[in-house]
Amino acid sequence: MHFSIAEIAAATDGEASGADVTVDGASIDSRTLEPGQLFVPIVAERDGHEFLPAALAAGARAYFTSRDDTPPPDGVAAIRVADTALALRALGRAARTRIGDRVVGVTGSVGKTSTKDLLAGVLETTYVTAASAKSFNNELGLPLTLVGAA
């Protein structure tokens, strides 16, 4: 499902500028970003804003920013937020409201990824199914998975 820039700005208490586009999914890694996704630059050991040019070259249709940057390039939207990681979590919460009532969460210390893959394989024979691409069982991976599934 797509998210409009207005929906993203409302969900994250952000300020949108640039093009009025829709995005399909989100990524925190410019190397794996797919065209049409939202780029979320995470500020940690490295400042993810440094990878914005690479994300745009990879086809990011929109991006979060916590900087007072220049306007986005033509055809791209920017959503200014106070904290990009918190904005991703807020967008994940908004995505969860779009998903039906059948959600399976796998927890534990051993075998989560294998169990997730087996469950997804069985459930997709009957239901519309989305599962995390990798072992995304953390505060960034969960909202990325929800945004991709919504």
N, C-alpha and C. Protein backbone atom coordinates (compact mmCIF):
# COMPACT_ATOMS: atom_id res chain seq x y z
N MET A 1 0.84 -1.18 0.00
CA MET A 1 0.00 0.00 0.00
C MET A 1 0.88 1.24 0.00
N HIS A 2 0.39 2.28 -0.56
CA HIS A 2 1.15 3.52 -0.65
C HIS A 2 0.81 4.45 0.50
N PHE A 3 1.78 5.31 0.83
CA PHE A 3 1.57 6.38 1.79
C PHE A 3 1.77 7.69 1.06
N SER A 4 0.84 8.62 1.22
CA SER A 4 1.02 9.95 0.65
C SER A 4 1.93 10.76 1.58
N ILE A 5 2.51 11.79 1.03
CA ILE A 5 3.37 12.65 1.84
C ILE A 5 2.55 13.30 2.95
N ALA A 6 1.31 13.67 2.66
CA ALA A 6 0.45 14.27 3.68
C ALA A 6 0.21 13.28 4.83
N GLU A 7 -0.01 12.00 4.50
CA GLU A 7 -0.22 10.98 5.54
C GLU A 7 1.04 10.81 6.38
N ILE A 8 2.19 10.79 5.73
CA ILE A 8 3.44 10.62 6.46
C ILE A 8 3.69 11.81 7.38
N ALA A 9 3.48 13.01 6.86
CA ALA A 9 3.70 14.21 7.68
C ALA A 9 2.75 14.22 8.88
N ALA A 10 1.51 13.84 8.67
CA ALA A 10 0.54 13.82 9.77
C ALA A 10 0.91 12.77 10.81
N ALA A 11 1.33 11.60 10.36
CA ALA A 11 1.66 10.51 11.28
C ALA A 11 2.91 10.80 12.10
N THR A 12 3.82 11.60 11.55
CA THR A 12 5.11 11.84 12.20
C THR A 12 5.24 13.23 12.80
N ASP A 13 4.17 14.01 12.69
CA ASP A 13 4.21 15.40 13.14
C ASP A 13 5.33 16.16 12.42
N GLY A 14 5.47 15.84 11.13
CA GLY A 14 6.52 16.44 10.32
C GLY A 14 5.99 17.55 9.43
N GLU A 15 6.92 18.22 8.80
CA GLU A 15 6.60 19.33 7.88
C GLU A 15 7.07 18.93 6.49
N ALA A 16 6.12 18.75 5.57
CA ALA A 16 6.45 18.30 4.22
C ALA A 16 6.77 19.48 3.31
N SER A 17 7.70 19.22 2.40
CA SER A 17 8.01 20.19 1.35
C SER A 17 8.37 19.42 0.09
N GLY A 18 8.29 20.10 -1.03
CA GLY A 18 8.63 19.45 -2.29
C GLY A 18 7.41 18.87 -2.97
N ALA A 19 7.64 17.82 -3.74
CA ALA A 19 6.60 17.22 -4.58
C ALA A 19 5.54 16.50 -3.76
N ASP A 20 4.34 16.44 -4.32
CA ASP A 20 3.24 15.70 -3.71
C ASP A 20 3.27 14.29 -4.30
N VAL A 21 4.01 13.41 -3.66
CA VAL A 21 4.22 12.06 -4.18
C VAL A 21 3.69 11.04 -3.18
N THR A 22 3.68 9.79 -3.60
CA THR A 22 3.38 8.68 -2.70
C THR A 22 4.61 7.79 -2.64
N VAL A 23 4.75 7.09 -1.54
CA VAL A 23 5.87 6.17 -1.38
C VAL A 23 5.32 4.78 -1.09
N ASP A 24 6.13 3.79 -1.42
CA ASP A 24 5.77 2.41 -1.18
C ASP A 24 6.91 1.76 -0.42
N GLY A 25 6.81 1.76 0.90
CA GLY A 25 7.85 1.19 1.73
C GLY A 25 8.87 2.22 2.16
N ALA A 26 9.80 1.78 2.99
CA ALA A 26 10.83 2.66 3.52
C ALA A 26 12.12 1.89 3.68
N SER A 27 13.23 2.61 3.70
CA SER A 27 14.54 2.00 3.87
C SER A 27 15.43 2.92 4.68
N ILE A 28 16.29 2.31 5.49
CA ILE A 28 17.30 3.07 6.23
C ILE A 28 18.67 2.90 5.60
N ASP A 29 18.75 2.16 4.50
CA ASP A 29 20.01 1.84 3.85
C ASP A 29 19.95 2.23 2.38
N SER A 30 20.73 3.21 1.99
CA SER A 30 20.71 3.68 0.60
C SER A 30 21.15 2.61 -0.37
N ARG A 31 21.88 1.61 0.10
CA ARG A 31 22.37 0.54 -0.79
C ARG A 31 21.29 -0.47 -1.14
N THR A 32 20.27 -0.60 -0.31
CA THR A 32 19.21 -1.56 -0.57
C THR A 32 17.87 -0.89 -0.85
N LEU A 33 17.85 0.42 -0.88
CA LEU A 33 16.63 1.17 -1.15
C LEU A 33 16.10 0.82 -2.53
N GLU A 34 14.79 0.62 -2.63
CA GLU A 34 14.16 0.35 -3.91
C GLU A 34 13.50 1.63 -4.40
N PRO A 35 13.48 1.84 -5.73
CA PRO A 35 12.84 3.05 -6.27
C PRO A 35 11.41 3.20 -5.74
N GLY A 36 11.08 4.43 -5.37
CA GLY A 36 9.74 4.72 -4.87
C GLY A 36 9.61 4.67 -3.36
N GLN A 37 10.67 4.30 -2.67
CA GLN A 37 10.60 4.20 -1.21
C GLN A 37 10.94 5.52 -0.54
N LEU A 38 10.63 5.57 0.75
CA LEU A 38 11.00 6.67 1.64
C LEU A 38 12.36 6.34 2.23
N PHE A 39 13.30 7.28 2.19
CA PHE A 39 14.61 7.08 2.81
C PHE A 39 14.58 7.70 4.20
N VAL A 40 15.02 6.91 5.18
CA VAL A 40 15.06 7.35 6.57
C VAL A 40 16.51 7.38 7.02
N PRO A 41 17.13 8.56 7.05
CA PRO A 41 18.53 8.64 7.48
C PRO A 41 18.62 8.57 9.00
N ILE A 42 19.20 7.51 9.50
CA ILE A 42 19.34 7.32 10.94
C ILE A 42 20.65 7.98 11.39
N VAL A 43 20.56 8.73 12.47
CA VAL A 43 21.74 9.38 13.03
C VAL A 43 22.23 8.51 14.17
N ALA A 44 23.38 7.87 13.95
CA ALA A 44 23.99 6.98 14.96
C ALA A 44 25.49 7.20 14.90
N GLU A 45 26.27 6.10 14.79
CA GLU A 45 27.72 6.25 14.67
C GLU A 45 28.06 7.12 13.47
N ARG A 46 27.27 6.94 12.41
CA ARG A 46 27.39 7.80 11.22
C ARG A 46 26.06 8.50 11.05
N ASP A 47 26.12 9.66 10.46
CA ASP A 47 24.90 10.43 10.21
C ASP A 47 24.32 9.99 8.87
N GLY A 48 23.16 9.35 8.92
CA GLY A 48 22.51 8.86 7.71
C GLY A 48 22.22 9.93 6.68
N HIS A 49 22.18 11.19 7.08
CA HIS A 49 21.97 12.27 6.11
C HIS A 49 23.09 12.31 5.07
N GLU A 50 24.27 11.79 5.41
CA GLU A 50 25.38 11.76 4.46
C GLU A 50 25.06 10.89 3.25
N PHE A 51 24.12 9.96 3.40
CA PHE A 51 23.79 9.02 2.34
C PHE A 51 22.58 9.46 1.52
N LEU A 52 22.09 10.66 1.77
CA LEU A 52 20.94 11.15 1.02
C LEU A 52 21.20 11.21 -0.48
N PRO A 53 22.34 11.72 -0.94
CA PRO A 53 22.58 11.71 -2.40
C PRO A 53 22.51 10.30 -3.00
N ALA A 54 23.05 9.32 -2.31
CA ALA A 54 23.00 7.94 -2.81
C ALA A 54 21.56 7.42 -2.82
N ALA A 55 20.78 7.77 -1.80
CA ALA A 55 19.38 7.34 -1.74
C ALA A 55 18.58 7.96 -2.88
N LEU A 56 18.82 9.23 -3.15
CA LEU A 56 18.12 9.88 -4.26
C LEU A 56 18.53 9.26 -5.60
N ALA A 57 19.81 8.94 -5.74
CA ALA A 57 20.27 8.30 -6.98
C ALA A 57 19.66 6.90 -7.13
N ALA A 58 19.36 6.25 -6.02
CA ALA A 58 18.75 4.92 -6.05
C ALA A 58 17.25 4.97 -6.29
N GLY A 59 16.67 6.17 -6.29
CA GLY A 59 15.25 6.31 -6.60
C GLY A 59 14.34 6.65 -5.45
N ALA A 60 14.89 7.12 -4.32
CA ALA A 60 14.03 7.52 -3.21
C ALA A 60 13.08 8.60 -3.69
N ARG A 61 11.81 8.41 -3.39
CA ARG A 61 10.80 9.39 -3.80
C ARG A 61 10.60 10.46 -2.73
N ALA A 62 11.02 10.12 -1.49
CA ALA A 62 10.88 11.06 -0.38
C ALA A 62 11.91 10.68 0.69
N TYR A 63 12.12 11.59 1.62
CA TYR A 63 13.05 11.32 2.70
C TYR A 63 12.68 12.13 3.93
N PHE A 64 13.05 11.57 5.10
CA PHE A 64 12.97 12.31 6.34
C PHE A 64 14.26 13.11 6.48
N THR A 65 14.17 14.23 7.16
CA THR A 65 15.36 14.99 7.50
C THR A 65 15.15 15.67 8.84
N SER A 66 16.19 15.70 9.63
CA SER A 66 16.14 16.44 10.89
C SER A 66 17.02 17.68 10.80
N ARG A 67 17.42 17.99 9.58
CA ARG A 67 18.25 19.17 9.33
C ARG A 67 17.42 20.27 8.69
N ASP A 68 17.94 21.46 8.74
CA ASP A 68 17.30 22.59 8.07
C ASP A 68 17.92 22.67 6.68
N ASP A 69 17.60 21.67 5.86
CA ASP A 69 18.21 21.52 4.54
C ASP A 69 17.59 22.44 3.50
N THR A 70 18.23 22.47 2.37
CA THR A 70 17.69 23.16 1.21
C THR A 70 16.49 22.37 0.70
N PRO A 71 15.68 22.97 -0.15
CA PRO A 71 14.50 22.26 -0.66
C PRO A 71 14.90 20.98 -1.40
N PRO A 72 14.03 19.98 -1.41
CA PRO A 72 14.34 18.73 -2.11
C PRO A 72 14.39 18.94 -3.62
N PRO A 73 15.04 18.04 -4.34
CA PRO A 73 15.08 18.13 -5.80
C PRO A 73 13.68 17.99 -6.40
N ASP A 74 13.52 18.37 -7.64
CA ASP A 74 12.23 18.23 -8.33
C ASP A 74 11.76 16.79 -8.30
N GLY A 75 10.47 16.61 -8.05
CA GLY A 75 9.88 15.29 -8.05
C GLY A 75 10.07 14.50 -6.77
N VAL A 76 10.71 15.10 -5.77
CA VAL A 76 11.01 14.43 -4.51
C VAL A 76 10.40 15.25 -3.37
N ALA A 77 10.00 14.56 -2.32
CA ALA A 77 9.46 15.24 -1.14
C ALA A 77 10.40 15.04 0.04
N ALA A 78 10.44 16.03 0.91
CA ALA A 78 11.18 15.95 2.17
C ALA A 78 10.19 16.15 3.30
N ILE A 79 10.36 15.39 4.35
CA ILE A 79 9.55 15.58 5.55
C ILE A 79 10.50 15.90 6.69
N ARG A 80 10.44 17.14 7.16
CA ARG A 80 11.31 17.57 8.25
C ARG A 80 10.69 17.12 9.56
N VAL A 81 11.48 16.40 10.35
CA VAL A 81 11.04 15.87 11.64
C VAL A 81 12.11 16.18 12.68
N ALA A 82 11.74 16.12 13.93
CA ALA A 82 12.70 16.39 15.00
C ALA A 82 13.74 15.27 15.11
N ASP A 83 13.32 14.03 14.95
CA ASP A 83 14.20 12.87 15.09
C ASP A 83 13.76 11.82 14.08
N THR A 84 14.63 11.43 13.17
CA THR A 84 14.25 10.52 12.09
C THR A 84 13.89 9.12 12.60
N ALA A 85 14.59 8.62 13.61
CA ALA A 85 14.28 7.30 14.15
C ALA A 85 12.90 7.30 14.82
N LEU A 86 12.61 8.34 15.58
CA LEU A 86 11.28 8.44 16.20
C LEU A 86 10.19 8.60 15.15
N ALA A 87 10.48 9.32 14.09
CA ALA A 87 9.51 9.48 13.01
C ALA A 87 9.23 8.14 12.33
N LEU A 88 10.27 7.32 12.16
CA LEU A 88 10.06 6.00 11.58
C LEU A 88 9.15 5.16 12.47
N ARG A 89 9.36 5.21 13.77
CA ARG A 89 8.49 4.47 14.70
C ARG A 89 7.04 4.97 14.61
N ALA A 90 6.87 6.28 14.52
CA ALA A 90 5.52 6.83 14.40
C ALA A 90 4.87 6.38 13.10
N LEU A 91 5.63 6.34 12.02
CA LEU A 91 5.09 5.87 10.74
C LEU A 91 4.75 4.39 10.84
N GLY A 92 5.55 3.62 11.56
CA GLY A 92 5.24 2.21 11.79
C GLY A 92 3.92 2.03 12.52
N ARG A 93 3.67 2.87 13.53
CA ARG A 93 2.39 2.82 14.25
C ARG A 93 1.23 3.13 13.30
N ALA A 94 1.40 4.12 12.44
CA ALA A 94 0.35 4.46 11.48
C ALA A 94 0.13 3.30 10.51
N ALA A 95 1.21 2.66 10.09
CA ALA A 95 1.09 1.52 9.18
C ALA A 95 0.34 0.38 9.84
N ARG A 96 0.59 0.16 11.12
CA ARG A 96 -0.08 -0.94 11.83
C ARG A 96 -1.59 -0.77 11.82
N THR A 97 -2.07 0.47 11.86
CA THR A 97 -3.53 0.70 11.85
C THR A 97 -4.15 0.30 10.52
N ARG A 98 -3.35 0.23 9.46
CA ARG A 98 -3.85 -0.15 8.13
C ARG A 98 -3.94 -1.66 7.96
N ILE A 99 -3.22 -2.38 8.78
CA ILE A 99 -3.15 -3.83 8.63
C ILE A 99 -4.31 -4.45 9.39
N GLY A 100 -4.89 -5.49 8.84
CA GLY A 100 -6.01 -6.16 9.49
C GLY A 100 -5.66 -6.69 10.87
N ASP A 101 -6.61 -7.39 11.44
CA ASP A 101 -6.44 -7.83 12.82
C ASP A 101 -5.60 -9.09 12.97
N ARG A 102 -5.23 -9.72 11.89
CA ARG A 102 -4.42 -10.95 11.99
C ARG A 102 -2.95 -10.61 11.80
N VAL A 103 -2.23 -10.58 12.90
CA VAL A 103 -0.80 -10.31 12.90
C VAL A 103 -0.13 -11.34 13.78
N VAL A 104 0.97 -11.89 13.29
CA VAL A 104 1.72 -12.87 14.07
C VAL A 104 3.08 -12.27 14.39
N GLY A 105 3.45 -12.28 15.65
CA GLY A 105 4.77 -11.84 16.06
C GLY A 105 5.52 -13.03 16.63
N VAL A 106 6.76 -13.20 16.21
CA VAL A 106 7.56 -14.32 16.68
C VAL A 106 8.65 -13.77 17.59
N THR A 107 8.71 -14.31 18.81
CA THR A 107 9.72 -13.86 19.77
C THR A 107 10.50 -15.06 20.29
N GLY A 108 11.54 -14.80 21.03
CA GLY A 108 12.33 -15.86 21.62
C GLY A 108 13.81 -15.60 21.40
N SER A 109 14.62 -16.54 21.82
CA SER A 109 16.06 -16.34 21.71
C SER A 109 16.70 -17.21 20.63
N VAL A 110 16.01 -18.23 20.15
CA VAL A 110 16.57 -19.12 19.14
C VAL A 110 15.49 -19.48 18.12
N GLY A 111 15.84 -19.45 16.83
CA GLY A 111 14.95 -19.94 15.79
C GLY A 111 13.89 -18.99 15.28
N LYS A 112 13.99 -17.71 15.63
CA LYS A 112 12.96 -16.76 15.19
C LYS A 112 12.88 -16.63 13.68
N THR A 113 14.02 -16.49 13.02
CA THR A 113 14.01 -16.27 11.57
C THR A 113 13.47 -17.50 10.84
N SER A 114 13.90 -18.67 11.22
CA SER A 114 13.39 -19.90 10.59
C SER A 114 11.90 -20.05 10.82
N THR A 115 11.46 -19.80 12.04
CA THR A 115 10.04 -19.90 12.37
C THR A 115 9.24 -18.89 11.57
N LYS A 116 9.74 -17.66 11.47
CA LYS A 116 9.07 -16.62 10.69
C LYS A 116 8.94 -17.04 9.25
N ASP A 117 10.01 -17.57 8.67
CA ASP A 117 9.98 -17.99 7.26
C ASP A 117 9.01 -19.15 7.04
N LEU A 118 8.99 -20.11 7.94
CA LEU A 118 8.06 -21.24 7.82
C LEU A 118 6.61 -20.78 7.96
N LEU A 119 6.33 -19.95 8.94
CA LEU A 119 4.97 -19.42 9.12
C LEU A 119 4.51 -18.64 7.89
N ALA A 120 5.36 -17.78 7.38
CA ALA A 120 4.99 -16.98 6.20
C ALA A 120 4.70 -17.90 5.02
N GLY A 121 5.51 -18.93 4.84
CA GLY A 121 5.29 -19.86 3.74
C GLY A 121 3.95 -20.58 3.83
N VAL A 122 3.58 -20.99 5.03
CA VAL A 122 2.31 -21.67 5.22
C VAL A 122 1.14 -20.69 5.10
N LEU A 123 1.24 -19.54 5.75
CA LEU A 123 0.12 -18.59 5.76
C LEU A 123 -0.15 -17.97 4.40
N GLU A 124 0.88 -17.79 3.58
CA GLU A 124 0.67 -17.14 2.29
C GLU A 124 -0.13 -18.01 1.32
N THR A 125 -0.33 -19.28 1.64
CA THR A 125 -1.18 -20.11 0.79
C THR A 125 -2.65 -19.76 0.95
N THR A 126 -2.99 -19.08 2.05
CA THR A 126 -4.39 -18.74 2.31
C THR A 126 -4.63 -17.25 2.49
N TYR A 127 -3.65 -16.53 3.04
CA TYR A 127 -3.83 -15.13 3.39
C TYR A 127 -2.84 -14.23 2.65
N VAL A 128 -3.21 -12.96 2.53
CA VAL A 128 -2.23 -11.98 2.09
C VAL A 128 -1.21 -11.88 3.21
N THR A 129 0.04 -12.09 2.88
CA THR A 129 1.07 -12.22 3.92
C THR A 129 2.25 -11.32 3.63
N ALA A 130 2.77 -10.72 4.67
CA ALA A 130 4.01 -9.95 4.59
C ALA A 130 4.89 -10.39 5.75
N ALA A 131 6.17 -10.48 5.49
CA ALA A 131 7.12 -10.87 6.53
C ALA A 131 8.38 -10.04 6.35
N SER A 132 9.10 -9.83 7.42
CA SER A 132 10.32 -9.05 7.32
C SER A 132 11.30 -9.76 6.39
N ALA A 133 12.04 -8.94 5.64
CA ALA A 133 12.98 -9.49 4.66
C ALA A 133 14.17 -10.14 5.34
N LYS A 134 14.55 -9.61 6.48
CA LYS A 134 15.68 -10.15 7.23
C LYS A 134 15.25 -10.33 8.67
N SER A 135 16.20 -10.48 9.54
CA SER A 135 15.91 -10.59 10.96
C SER A 135 15.78 -9.18 11.53
N PHE A 136 14.65 -8.56 11.25
CA PHE A 136 14.41 -7.17 11.62
C PHE A 136 13.69 -7.09 12.96
N ASN A 137 14.23 -7.69 13.98
CA ASN A 137 13.56 -7.72 15.28
C ASN A 137 14.16 -6.69 16.22
N ASN A 138 14.06 -5.42 15.81
CA ASN A 138 14.54 -4.34 16.66
C ASN A 138 13.70 -3.08 16.44
N GLU A 139 14.09 -1.99 17.08
CA GLU A 139 13.28 -0.76 17.05
C GLU A 139 13.25 -0.09 15.68
N LEU A 140 14.14 -0.46 14.78
CA LEU A 140 14.09 0.06 13.40
C LEU A 140 13.46 -0.95 12.46
N GLY A 141 13.76 -2.21 12.64
CA GLY A 141 13.26 -3.25 11.75
C GLY A 141 11.76 -3.44 11.82
N LEU A 142 11.19 -3.38 13.01
CA LEU A 142 9.74 -3.57 13.14
C LEU A 142 8.97 -2.50 12.37
N PRO A 143 9.24 -1.21 12.56
CA PRO A 143 8.48 -0.24 11.77
C PRO A 143 8.74 -0.35 10.27
N LEU A 144 9.96 -0.70 9.87
CA LEU A 144 10.24 -0.90 8.44
C LEU A 144 9.36 -2.03 7.88
N THR A 145 9.24 -3.10 8.64
CA THR A 145 8.41 -4.22 8.21
C THR A 145 6.96 -3.81 8.13
N LEU A 146 6.46 -3.08 9.13
CA LEU A 146 5.06 -2.64 9.11
C LEU A 146 4.79 -1.70 7.95
N VAL A 147 5.68 -0.78 7.68
CA VAL A 147 5.49 0.17 6.57
C VAL A 147 5.48 -0.60 5.25
N GLY A 148 6.33 -1.60 5.13
CA GLY A 148 6.35 -2.41 3.92
C GLY A 148 5.11 -3.27 3.75
N ALA A 149 4.49 -3.64 4.86
CA ALA A 149 3.30 -4.51 4.80
C ALA A 149 2.01 -3.73 4.62
N ALA A 150 2.00 -2.47 5.04
CA ALA A 150 0.75 -1.70 5.02
C ALA A 150 0.34 -1.30 3.61
